[in-house]
Amino acid sequence: CGDWNIAHREADLKNWKANRKSAGFLPEEREWLT
C-alpha cells in the first residue's frame, strides 16, 4: 500500500493531457507500473 506517485492510466488523473510531460505521468513511469 502507499503513495506510488504514478498515475497509471488516463482515467487516473483529471487533466491527463496537460500532464503528459509531468513527473507522475511520464511514459517511462506508466510503463514501469504496467
PDB file of all heavy atoms in Angstrom:
ATOM      1  N   CYS A   1       0.844  -1.199   0.000  1.00  0.00           N
ATOM      2  CA  CYS A   1       0.000   0.000   0.000  1.00  0.00           C
ATOM      3  C   CYS A   1       0.874   1.241   0.000  1.00  0.00           C
ATOM      4  O   CYS A   1       1.960   1.236   0.565  1.00  0.00           O
ATOM      5  CB  CYS A   1      -0.860   0.035   1.259  1.00  0.00           C
ATOM      6  SG  CYS A   1      -1.870  -1.419   1.510  1.00  0.00           S
ATOM      7  N   GLY A   2       0.359   2.301  -0.577  1.00  0.00           N
ATOM      8  CA  GLY A   2       1.105   3.538  -0.429  1.00  0.00           C
ATOM      9  C   GLY A   2       0.921   4.533  -1.536  1.00  0.00           C
ATOM     10  O   GLY A   2       0.090   4.380  -2.439  1.00  0.00           O
ATOM     11  N   ASP A   3       1.755   5.559  -1.444  1.00  0.00           N
ATOM     12  CA  ASP A   3       1.809   6.622  -2.439  1.00  0.00           C
ATOM     13  C   ASP A   3       2.868   6.214  -3.456  1.00  0.00           C
ATOM     14  O   ASP A   3       4.063   6.367  -3.218  1.00  0.00           O
ATOM     15  CB  ASP A   3       2.161   7.943  -1.755  1.00  0.00           C
ATOM     16  CG  ASP A   3       2.227   9.107  -2.728  1.00  0.00           C
ATOM     17  OD1 ASP A   3       2.068   8.878  -3.948  1.00  0.00           O
ATOM     18  OD2 ASP A   3       2.460  10.242  -2.283  1.00  0.00           O
ATOM     19  N   TRP A   4       2.381   5.677  -4.582  1.00  0.00           N
ATOM     20  CA  TRP A   4       3.288   5.218  -5.635  1.00  0.00           C
ATOM     21  C   TRP A   4       3.716   6.365  -6.547  1.00  0.00           C
ATOM     22  O   TRP A   4       4.589   6.198  -7.387  1.00  0.00           O
ATOM     23  CB  TRP A   4       2.623   4.110  -6.457  1.00  0.00           C
ATOM     24  CG  TRP A   4       2.436   2.826  -5.710  1.00  0.00           C
ATOM     25  CD1 TRP A   4       1.638   2.613  -4.616  1.00  0.00           C
ATOM     26  CD2 TRP A   4       3.061   1.566  -5.988  1.00  0.00           C
ATOM     27  NE1 TRP A   4       1.728   1.301  -4.206  1.00  0.00           N
ATOM     28  CE2 TRP A   4       2.594   0.630  -5.033  1.00  0.00           C
ATOM     29  CE3 TRP A   4       3.959   1.131  -6.968  1.00  0.00           C
ATOM     30  CZ2 TRP A   4       3.001  -0.703  -5.018  1.00  0.00           C
ATOM     31  CZ3 TRP A   4       4.356  -0.202  -6.963  1.00  0.00           C
ATOM     32  CH2 TRP A   4       3.891  -1.102  -5.997  1.00  0.00           C
ATOM     33  N   ASN A   5       3.097   7.524  -6.411  1.00  0.00           N
ATOM     34  CA  ASN A   5       3.470   8.734  -7.159  1.00  0.00           C
ATOM     35  C   ASN A   5       3.492   8.540  -8.669  1.00  0.00           C
ATOM     36  O   ASN A   5       4.279   9.171  -9.383  1.00  0.00           O
ATOM     37  CB  ASN A   5       4.813   9.276  -6.661  1.00  0.00           C
ATOM     38  CG  ASN A   5       4.633  10.336  -5.581  1.00  0.00           C
ATOM     39  OD1 ASN A   5       3.845  11.265  -5.753  1.00  0.00           O
ATOM     40  ND2 ASN A   5       5.349  10.202  -4.482  1.00  0.00           N
ATOM     41  N   ILE A   6       2.617   7.667  -9.161  1.00  0.00           N
ATOM     42  CA  ILE A   6       2.447   7.469 -10.600  1.00  0.00           C
ATOM     43  C   ILE A   6       0.968   7.261 -10.877  1.00  0.00           C
ATOM     44  O   ILE A   6       0.335   6.407 -10.244  1.00  0.00           O
ATOM     45  CB  ILE A   6       3.229   6.248 -11.126  1.00  0.00           C
ATOM     46  CG1 ILE A   6       4.729   6.368 -10.845  1.00  0.00           C
ATOM     47  CG2 ILE A   6       3.000   6.067 -12.628  1.00  0.00           C
ATOM     48  CD1 ILE A   6       5.501   5.081 -11.118  1.00  0.00           C
ATOM     49  N   ALA A   7       0.410   8.024 -11.788  1.00  0.00           N
ATOM     50  CA  ALA A   7      -0.942   7.780 -12.292  1.00  0.00           C
ATOM     51  C   ALA A   7      -0.795   6.848 -13.490  1.00  0.00           C
ATOM     52  O   ALA A   7      -0.141   7.201 -14.474  1.00  0.00           O
ATOM     53  CB  ALA A   7      -1.618   9.082 -12.688  1.00  0.00           C
ATOM     54  N   HIS A   8      -1.380   5.680 -13.401  1.00  0.00           N
ATOM     55  CA  HIS A   8      -1.109   4.646 -14.404  1.00  0.00           C
ATOM     56  C   HIS A   8      -1.804   4.899 -15.728  1.00  0.00           C
ATOM     57  O   HIS A   8      -1.206   4.776 -16.799  1.00  0.00           O
ATOM     58  CB  HIS A   8      -1.537   3.285 -13.848  1.00  0.00           C
ATOM     59  CG  HIS A   8      -1.188   2.140 -14.740  1.00  0.00           C
ATOM     60  ND1 HIS A   8      -2.003   1.044 -14.909  1.00  0.00           N
ATOM     61  CD2 HIS A   8      -0.103   1.923 -15.529  1.00  0.00           C
ATOM     62  CE1 HIS A   8      -1.429   0.196 -15.742  1.00  0.00           C
ATOM     63  NE2 HIS A   8      -0.285   0.700 -16.134  1.00  0.00           N
ATOM     64  N   ARG A   9      -3.069   5.275 -15.678  1.00  0.00           N
ATOM     65  CA  ARG A   9      -3.864   5.419 -16.894  1.00  0.00           C
ATOM     66  C   ARG A   9      -4.474   6.805 -16.981  1.00  0.00           C
ATOM     67  O   ARG A   9      -4.488   7.555 -16.006  1.00  0.00           O
ATOM     68  CB  ARG A   9      -4.978   4.363 -16.904  1.00  0.00           C
ATOM     69  CG  ARG A   9      -4.461   2.955 -16.976  1.00  0.00           C
ATOM     70  CD  ARG A   9      -5.487   1.860 -16.745  1.00  0.00           C
ATOM     71  NE  ARG A   9      -6.886   2.226 -16.915  1.00  0.00           N
ATOM     72  CZ  ARG A   9      -7.888   1.366 -16.736  1.00  0.00           C
ATOM     73  NH1 ARG A   9      -7.636   0.116 -16.403  1.00  0.00           N
ATOM     74  NH2 ARG A   9      -9.143   1.754 -16.889  1.00  0.00           N
ATOM     75  N   GLU A  10      -4.997   7.134 -18.149  1.00  0.00           N
ATOM     76  CA  GLU A  10      -5.639   8.439 -18.324  1.00  0.00           C
ATOM     77  C   GLU A  10      -6.791   8.622 -17.345  1.00  0.00           C
ATOM     78  O   GLU A  10      -7.066   9.732 -16.893  1.00  0.00           O
ATOM     79  CB  GLU A  10      -6.121   8.591 -19.769  1.00  0.00           C
ATOM     80  CG  GLU A  10      -4.979   8.670 -20.775  1.00  0.00           C
ATOM     81  CD  GLU A  10      -5.444   8.570 -22.216  1.00  0.00           C
ATOM     82  OE1 GLU A  10      -6.675   8.508 -22.443  1.00  0.00           O
ATOM     83  OE2 GLU A  10      -4.581   8.539 -23.116  1.00  0.00           O
ATOM     84  N   ALA A  11      -7.459   7.536 -16.998  1.00  0.00           N
ATOM     85  CA  ALA A  11      -8.578   7.613 -16.054  1.00  0.00           C
ATOM     86  C   ALA A  11      -8.113   7.910 -14.639  1.00  0.00           C
ATOM     87  O   ALA A  11      -8.945   8.156 -13.761  1.00  0.00           O
ATOM     88  CB  ALA A  11      -9.358   6.300 -16.064  1.00  0.00           C
ATOM     89  N   ASP A  12      -6.798   7.922 -14.418  1.00  0.00           N
ATOM     90  CA  ASP A  12      -6.270   8.106 -13.072  1.00  0.00           C
ATOM     91  C   ASP A  12      -5.885   9.542 -12.741  1.00  0.00           C
ATOM     92  O   ASP A  12      -5.371   9.797 -11.643  1.00  0.00           O
ATOM     93  CB  ASP A  12      -5.067   7.187 -12.854  1.00  0.00           C
ATOM     94  CG  ASP A  12      -5.456   5.708 -12.894  1.00  0.00           C
ATOM     95  OD1 ASP A  12      -6.565   5.395 -12.426  1.00  0.00           O
ATOM     96  OD2 ASP A  12      -4.667   4.893 -13.405  1.00  0.00           O
ATOM     97  N   LEU A  13      -6.107  10.471 -13.659  1.00  0.00           N
ATOM     98  CA  LEU A  13      -5.934  11.882 -13.325  1.00  0.00           C
ATOM     99  C   LEU A  13      -6.837  12.717 -14.217  1.00  0.00           C
ATOM    100  O   LEU A  13      -7.068  12.391 -15.378  1.00  0.00           O
ATOM    101  CB  LEU A  13      -4.482  12.339 -13.438  1.00  0.00           C
ATOM    102  CG  LEU A  13      -3.815  12.470 -14.799  1.00  0.00           C
ATOM    103  CD1 LEU A  13      -2.541  13.296 -14.675  1.00  0.00           C
ATOM    104  CD2 LEU A  13      -3.486  11.121 -15.387  1.00  0.00           C
ATOM    105  N   LYS A  14      -7.342  13.796 -13.649  1.00  0.00           N
ATOM    106  CA  LYS A  14      -8.341  14.602 -14.342  1.00  0.00           C
ATOM    107  C   LYS A  14      -7.759  15.276 -15.585  1.00  0.00           C
ATOM    108  O   LYS A  14      -8.302  15.170 -16.676  1.00  0.00           O
ATOM    109  CB  LYS A  14      -8.884  15.659 -13.362  1.00  0.00           C
ATOM    110  CG  LYS A  14     -10.071  16.459 -13.862  1.00  0.00           C
ATOM    111  CD  LYS A  14     -11.317  15.590 -13.969  1.00  0.00           C
ATOM    112  CE  LYS A  14     -12.574  16.414 -14.118  1.00  0.00           C
ATOM    113  NZ  LYS A  14     -13.039  17.011 -12.864  1.00  0.00           N
ATOM    114  N   ASN A  15      -6.630  15.957 -15.407  1.00  0.00           N
ATOM    115  CA  ASN A  15      -6.043  16.715 -16.520  1.00  0.00           C
ATOM    116  C   ASN A  15      -4.864  15.962 -17.131  1.00  0.00           C
ATOM    117  O   ASN A  15      -3.736  16.435 -17.145  1.00  0.00           O
ATOM    118  CB  ASN A  15      -5.586  18.102 -16.030  1.00  0.00           C
ATOM    119  CG  ASN A  15      -6.754  19.009 -15.700  1.00  0.00           C
ATOM    120  OD1 ASN A  15      -7.842  18.858 -16.246  1.00  0.00           O
ATOM    121  ND2 ASN A  15      -6.533  19.953 -14.798  1.00  0.00           N
ATOM    122  N   TRP A  16      -5.144  14.788 -17.671  1.00  0.00           N
ATOM    123  CA  TRP A  16      -4.050  13.957 -18.167  1.00  0.00           C
ATOM    124  C   TRP A  16      -3.362  14.558 -19.383  1.00  0.00           C
ATOM    125  O   TRP A  16      -2.141  14.429 -19.544  1.00  0.00           O
ATOM    126  CB  TRP A  16      -4.532  12.539 -18.459  1.00  0.00           C
ATOM    127  CG  TRP A  16      -5.521  12.401 -19.576  1.00  0.00           C
ATOM    128  CD1 TRP A  16      -6.870  12.415 -19.478  1.00  0.00           C
ATOM    129  CD2 TRP A  16      -5.222  12.234 -20.966  1.00  0.00           C
ATOM    130  NE1 TRP A  16      -7.449  12.265 -20.716  1.00  0.00           N
ATOM    131  CE2 TRP A  16      -6.454  12.148 -21.652  1.00  0.00           C
ATOM    132  CE3 TRP A  16      -4.035  12.128 -21.697  1.00  0.00           C
ATOM    133  CZ2 TRP A  16      -6.533  11.975 -23.026  1.00  0.00           C
ATOM    134  CZ3 TRP A  16      -4.108  11.955 -23.071  1.00  0.00           C
ATOM    135  CH2 TRP A  16      -5.345  11.889 -23.719  1.00  0.00           C
ATOM    136  N   LYS A  17      -4.106  15.245 -20.244  1.00  0.00           N
ATOM    137  CA  LYS A  17      -3.491  15.808 -21.454  1.00  0.00           C
ATOM    138  C   LYS A  17      -2.443  16.855 -21.126  1.00  0.00           C
ATOM    139  O   LYS A  17      -1.408  16.943 -21.788  1.00  0.00           O
ATOM    140  CB  LYS A  17      -4.572  16.420 -22.358  1.00  0.00           C
ATOM    141  CG  LYS A  17      -5.454  15.386 -23.040  1.00  0.00           C
ATOM    142  CD  LYS A  17      -6.464  16.045 -23.977  1.00  0.00           C
ATOM    143  CE  LYS A  17      -7.332  15.003 -24.665  1.00  0.00           C
ATOM    144  NZ  LYS A  17      -8.345  15.622 -25.552  1.00  0.00           N
ATOM    145  N   ALA A  18      -2.699  17.651 -20.088  1.00  0.00           N
ATOM    146  CA  ALA A  18      -1.772  18.713 -19.704  1.00  0.00           C
ATOM    147  C   ALA A  18      -0.588  18.188 -18.904  1.00  0.00           C
ATOM    148  O   ALA A  18       0.369  18.932 -18.665  1.00  0.00           O
ATOM    149  CB  ALA A  18      -2.506  19.776 -18.887  1.00  0.00           C
ATOM    150  N   ASN A  19      -0.614  16.910 -18.507  1.00  0.00           N
ATOM    151  CA  ASN A  19       0.428  16.367 -17.638  1.00  0.00           C
ATOM    152  C   ASN A  19       1.253  15.265 -18.291  1.00  0.00           C
ATOM    153  O   ASN A  19       1.942  14.517 -17.592  1.00  0.00           O
ATOM    154  CB  ASN A  19      -0.213  15.838 -16.347  1.00  0.00           C
ATOM    155  CG  ASN A  19      -0.573  16.954 -15.389  1.00  0.00           C
ATOM    156  OD1 ASN A  19       0.290  17.559 -14.767  1.00  0.00           O
ATOM    157  ND2 ASN A  19      -1.866  17.242 -15.286  1.00  0.00           N
ATOM    158  N   ARG A  20       1.198  15.185 -19.620  1.00  0.00           N
ATOM    159  CA  ARG A  20       1.916  14.116 -20.301  1.00  0.00           C
ATOM    160  C   ARG A  20       3.431  14.224 -20.164  1.00  0.00           C
ATOM    161  O   ARG A  20       4.147  13.236 -20.343  1.00  0.00           O
ATOM    162  CB  ARG A  20       1.518  14.071 -21.780  1.00  0.00           C
ATOM    163  CG  ARG A  20       0.143  13.444 -21.995  1.00  0.00           C
ATOM    164  CD  ARG A  20      -0.301  13.473 -23.434  1.00  0.00           C
ATOM    165  NE  ARG A  20      -0.664  14.830 -23.855  1.00  0.00           N
ATOM    166  CZ  ARG A  20      -1.257  15.118 -25.003  1.00  0.00           C
ATOM    167  NH1 ARG A  20      -1.531  14.149 -25.859  1.00  0.00           N
ATOM    168  NH2 ARG A  20      -1.567  16.357 -25.317  1.00  0.00           N
ATOM    169  N   LYS A  21       3.938  15.425 -19.822  1.00  0.00           N
ATOM    170  CA  LYS A  21       5.374  15.601 -19.620  1.00  0.00           C
ATOM    171  C   LYS A  21       5.710  15.888 -18.160  1.00  0.00           C
ATOM    172  O   LYS A  21       6.805  16.353 -17.844  1.00  0.00           O
ATOM    173  CB  LYS A  21       5.891  16.726 -20.524  1.00  0.00           C
ATOM    174  CG  LYS A  21       5.773  16.410 -22.016  1.00  0.00           C
ATOM    175  CD  LYS A  21       6.372  17.506 -22.878  1.00  0.00           C
ATOM    176  CE  LYS A  21       6.259  17.161 -24.368  1.00  0.00           C
ATOM    177  NZ  LYS A  21       6.848  18.228 -25.228  1.00  0.00           N
ATOM    178  N   SER A  22       4.758  15.601 -17.284  1.00  0.00           N
ATOM    179  CA  SER A  22       4.946  15.853 -15.850  1.00  0.00           C
ATOM    180  C   SER A  22       5.329  14.572 -15.131  1.00  0.00           C
ATOM    181  O   SER A  22       4.862  13.481 -15.465  1.00  0.00           O
ATOM    182  CB  SER A  22       3.654  16.400 -15.229  1.00  0.00           C
ATOM    183  OG  SER A  22       3.275  17.616 -15.833  1.00  0.00           O
ATOM    184  N   ALA A  23       6.186  14.712 -14.107  1.00  0.00           N
ATOM    185  CA  ALA A  23       6.503  13.571 -13.256  1.00  0.00           C
ATOM    186  C   ALA A  23       5.219  13.019 -12.667  1.00  0.00           C
ATOM    187  O   ALA A  23       4.334  13.763 -12.258  1.00  0.00           O
ATOM    188  CB  ALA A  23       7.452  14.005 -12.144  1.00  0.00           C
ATOM    189  N   GLY A  24       5.119  11.710 -12.663  1.00  0.00           N
ATOM    190  CA  GLY A  24       3.914  11.068 -12.184  1.00  0.00           C
ATOM    191  C   GLY A  24       3.031  10.566 -13.310  1.00  0.00           C
ATOM    192  O   GLY A  24       2.150   9.727 -13.087  1.00  0.00           O
ATOM    193  N   PHE A  25       3.281  11.053 -14.545  1.00  0.00           N
ATOM    194  CA  PHE A  25       2.508  10.569 -15.690  1.00  0.00           C
ATOM    195  C   PHE A  25       3.398  10.436 -16.923  1.00  0.00           C
ATOM    196  O   PHE A  25       2.926  10.468 -18.045  1.00  0.00           O
ATOM    197  CB  PHE A  25       1.328  11.502 -15.972  1.00  0.00           C
ATOM    198  CG  PHE A  25       0.246  10.881 -16.830  1.00  0.00           C
ATOM    199  CD1 PHE A  25      -0.409   9.734 -16.425  1.00  0.00           C
ATOM    200  CD2 PHE A  25      -0.115  11.457 -18.050  1.00  0.00           C
ATOM    201  CE1 PHE A  25      -1.403   9.167 -17.213  1.00  0.00           C
ATOM    202  CE2 PHE A  25      -1.111  10.898 -18.844  1.00  0.00           C
ATOM    203  CZ  PHE A  25      -1.755   9.745 -18.418  1.00  0.00           C
ATOM    204  N   LEU A  26       4.693  10.304 -16.706  1.00  0.00           N
ATOM    205  CA  LEU A  26       5.624  10.129 -17.816  1.00  0.00           C
ATOM    206  C   LEU A  26       5.505   8.712 -18.384  1.00  0.00           C
ATOM    207  O   LEU A  26       5.200   7.768 -17.648  1.00  0.00           O
ATOM    208  CB  LEU A  26       7.057  10.380 -17.345  1.00  0.00           C
ATOM    209  CG  LEU A  26       7.362  11.807 -16.867  1.00  0.00           C
ATOM    210  CD1 LEU A  26       8.754  11.865 -16.251  1.00  0.00           C
ATOM    211  CD2 LEU A  26       7.244  12.803 -18.023  1.00  0.00           C
ATOM    212  N   PRO A  27       5.740   8.540 -19.673  1.00  0.00           N
ATOM    213  CA  PRO A  27       5.612   7.218 -20.289  1.00  0.00           C
ATOM    214  C   PRO A  27       6.431   6.137 -19.598  1.00  0.00           C
ATOM    215  O   PRO A  27       5.948   5.017 -19.398  1.00  0.00           O
ATOM    216  CB  PRO A  27       6.095   7.451 -21.730  1.00  0.00           C
ATOM    217  CG  PRO A  27       5.856   8.898 -21.991  1.00  0.00           C
ATOM    218  CD  PRO A  27       6.080   9.581 -20.673  1.00  0.00           C
ATOM    219  N   GLU A  28       7.669   6.497 -19.191  1.00  0.00           N
ATOM    220  CA  GLU A  28       8.531   5.500 -18.554  1.00  0.00           C
ATOM    221  C   GLU A  28       7.955   5.043 -17.215  1.00  0.00           C
ATOM    222  O   GLU A  28       8.060   3.870 -16.842  1.00  0.00           O
ATOM    223  CB  GLU A  28       9.933   6.082 -18.334  1.00  0.00           C
ATOM    224  CG  GLU A  28      10.654   6.474 -19.603  1.00  0.00           C
ATOM    225  CD  GLU A  28      10.359   7.910 -20.050  1.00  0.00           C
ATOM    226  OE1 GLU A  28       9.372   8.509 -19.569  1.00  0.00           O
ATOM    227  OE2 GLU A  28      11.118   8.418 -20.891  1.00  0.00           O
ATOM    228  N   GLU A  29       7.358   5.976 -16.488  1.00  0.00           N
ATOM    229  CA  GLU A  29       6.763   5.642 -15.193  1.00  0.00           C
ATOM    230  C   GLU A  29       5.549   4.741 -15.374  1.00  0.00           C
ATOM    231  O   GLU A  29       5.364   3.740 -14.673  1.00  0.00           O
ATOM    232  CB  GLU A  29       6.352   6.922 -14.463  1.00  0.00           C
ATOM    233  CG  GLU A  29       7.509   7.842 -14.116  1.00  0.00           C
ATOM    234  CD  GLU A  29       7.046   9.190 -13.602  1.00  0.00           C
ATOM    235  OE1 GLU A  29       6.010   9.701 -14.084  1.00  0.00           O
ATOM    236  OE2 GLU A  29       7.714   9.731 -12.712  1.00  0.00           O
ATOM    237  N   ARG A  30       4.709   5.097 -16.327  1.00  0.00           N
ATOM    238  CA  ARG A  30       3.492   4.321 -16.572  1.00  0.00           C
ATOM    239  C   ARG A  30       3.824   2.921 -17.081  1.00  0.00           C
ATOM    240  O   ARG A  30       3.174   1.938 -16.698  1.00  0.00           O
ATOM    241  CB  ARG A  30       2.604   5.074 -17.558  1.00  0.00           C
ATOM    242  CG  ARG A  30       2.130   6.423 -17.031  1.00  0.00           C
ATOM    243  CD  ARG A  30       1.483   7.252 -18.109  1.00  0.00           C
ATOM    244  NE  ARG A  30       0.268   6.606 -18.596  1.00  0.00           N
ATOM    245  CZ  ARG A  30      -0.323   6.905 -19.748  1.00  0.00           C
ATOM    246  NH1 ARG A  30       0.213   7.827 -20.551  1.00  0.00           N
ATOM    247  NH2 ARG A  30      -1.431   6.292 -20.110  1.00  0.00           N
ATOM    248  N   GLU A  31       4.855   2.820 -17.916  1.00  0.00           N
ATOM    249  CA  GLU A  31       5.284   1.507 -18.423  1.00  0.00           C
ATOM    250  C   GLU A  31       5.799   0.643 -17.275  1.00  0.00           C
ATOM    251  O   GLU A  31       5.554  -0.574 -17.238  1.00  0.00           O
ATOM    252  CB  GLU A  31       6.367   1.689 -19.490  1.00  0.00           C
ATOM    253  CG  GLU A  31       5.825   2.243 -20.807  1.00  0.00           C
ATOM    254  CD  GLU A  31       6.935   2.748 -21.723  1.00  0.00           C
ATOM    255  OE1 GLU A  31       8.124   2.498 -21.421  1.00  0.00           O
ATOM    256  OE2 GLU A  31       6.608   3.406 -22.732  1.00  0.00           O
ATOM    257  N   TRP A  32       6.507   1.262 -16.334  1.00  0.00           N
ATOM    258  CA  TRP A  32       7.007   0.522 -15.177  1.00  0.00           C
ATOM    259  C   TRP A  32       5.844  -0.015 -14.342  1.00  0.00           C
ATOM    260  O   TRP A  32       5.863  -1.179 -13.916  1.00  0.00           O
ATOM    261  CB  TRP A  32       7.891   1.439 -14.335  1.00  0.00           C
ATOM    262  CG  TRP A  32       8.447   0.795 -13.100  1.00  0.00           C
ATOM    263  CD1 TRP A  32       9.553  -0.014 -13.019  1.00  0.00           C
ATOM    264  CD2 TRP A  32       7.924   0.883 -11.772  1.00  0.00           C
ATOM    265  NE1 TRP A  32       9.756  -0.421 -11.718  1.00  0.00           N
ATOM    266  CE2 TRP A  32       8.770   0.120 -10.929  1.00  0.00           C
ATOM    267  CE3 TRP A  32       6.831   1.548 -11.212  1.00  0.00           C
ATOM    268  CZ2 TRP A  32       8.544  -0.001  -9.557  1.00  0.00           C
ATOM    269  CZ3 TRP A  32       6.607   1.431  -9.852  1.00  0.00           C
ATOM    270  CH2 TRP A  32       7.451   0.660  -9.038  1.00  0.00           C
ATOM    271  N   LEU A  33       4.812   0.802 -14.148  1.00  0.00           N
ATOM    272  CA  LEU A  33       3.657   0.346 -13.376  1.00  0.00           C
ATOM    273  C   LEU A  33       2.910  -0.758 -14.128  1.00  0.00           C
ATOM    274  O   LEU A  33       2.367  -1.685 -13.505  1.00  0.00           O
ATOM    275  CB  LEU A  33       2.727   1.525 -13.093  1.00  0.00           C
ATOM    276  CG  LEU A  33       1.940   1.480 -11.778  1.00  0.00           C
ATOM    277  CD1 LEU A  33       2.836   1.171 -10.593  1.00  0.00           C
ATOM    278  CD2 LEU A  33       1.201   2.793 -11.556  1.00  0.00           C
ATOM    279  N   THR A  34       2.916  -0.685 -15.444  1.00  0.00           N
ATOM    280  CA  THR A  34       2.333  -1.772 -16.236  1.00  0.00           C
ATOM    281  C   THR A  34       3.075  -3.076 -15.970  1.00  0.00           C
ATOM    282  O   THR A  34       2.456  -4.142 -15.864  1.00  0.00           O
ATOM    283  CB  THR A  34       2.378  -1.425 -17.735  1.00  0.00           C
ATOM    284  OG1 THR A  34       1.534  -0.289 -17.979  1.00  0.00           O
ATOM    285  CG2 THR A  34       1.902  -2.589 -18.587  1.00  0.00           C
TER     286      THR A  34
END
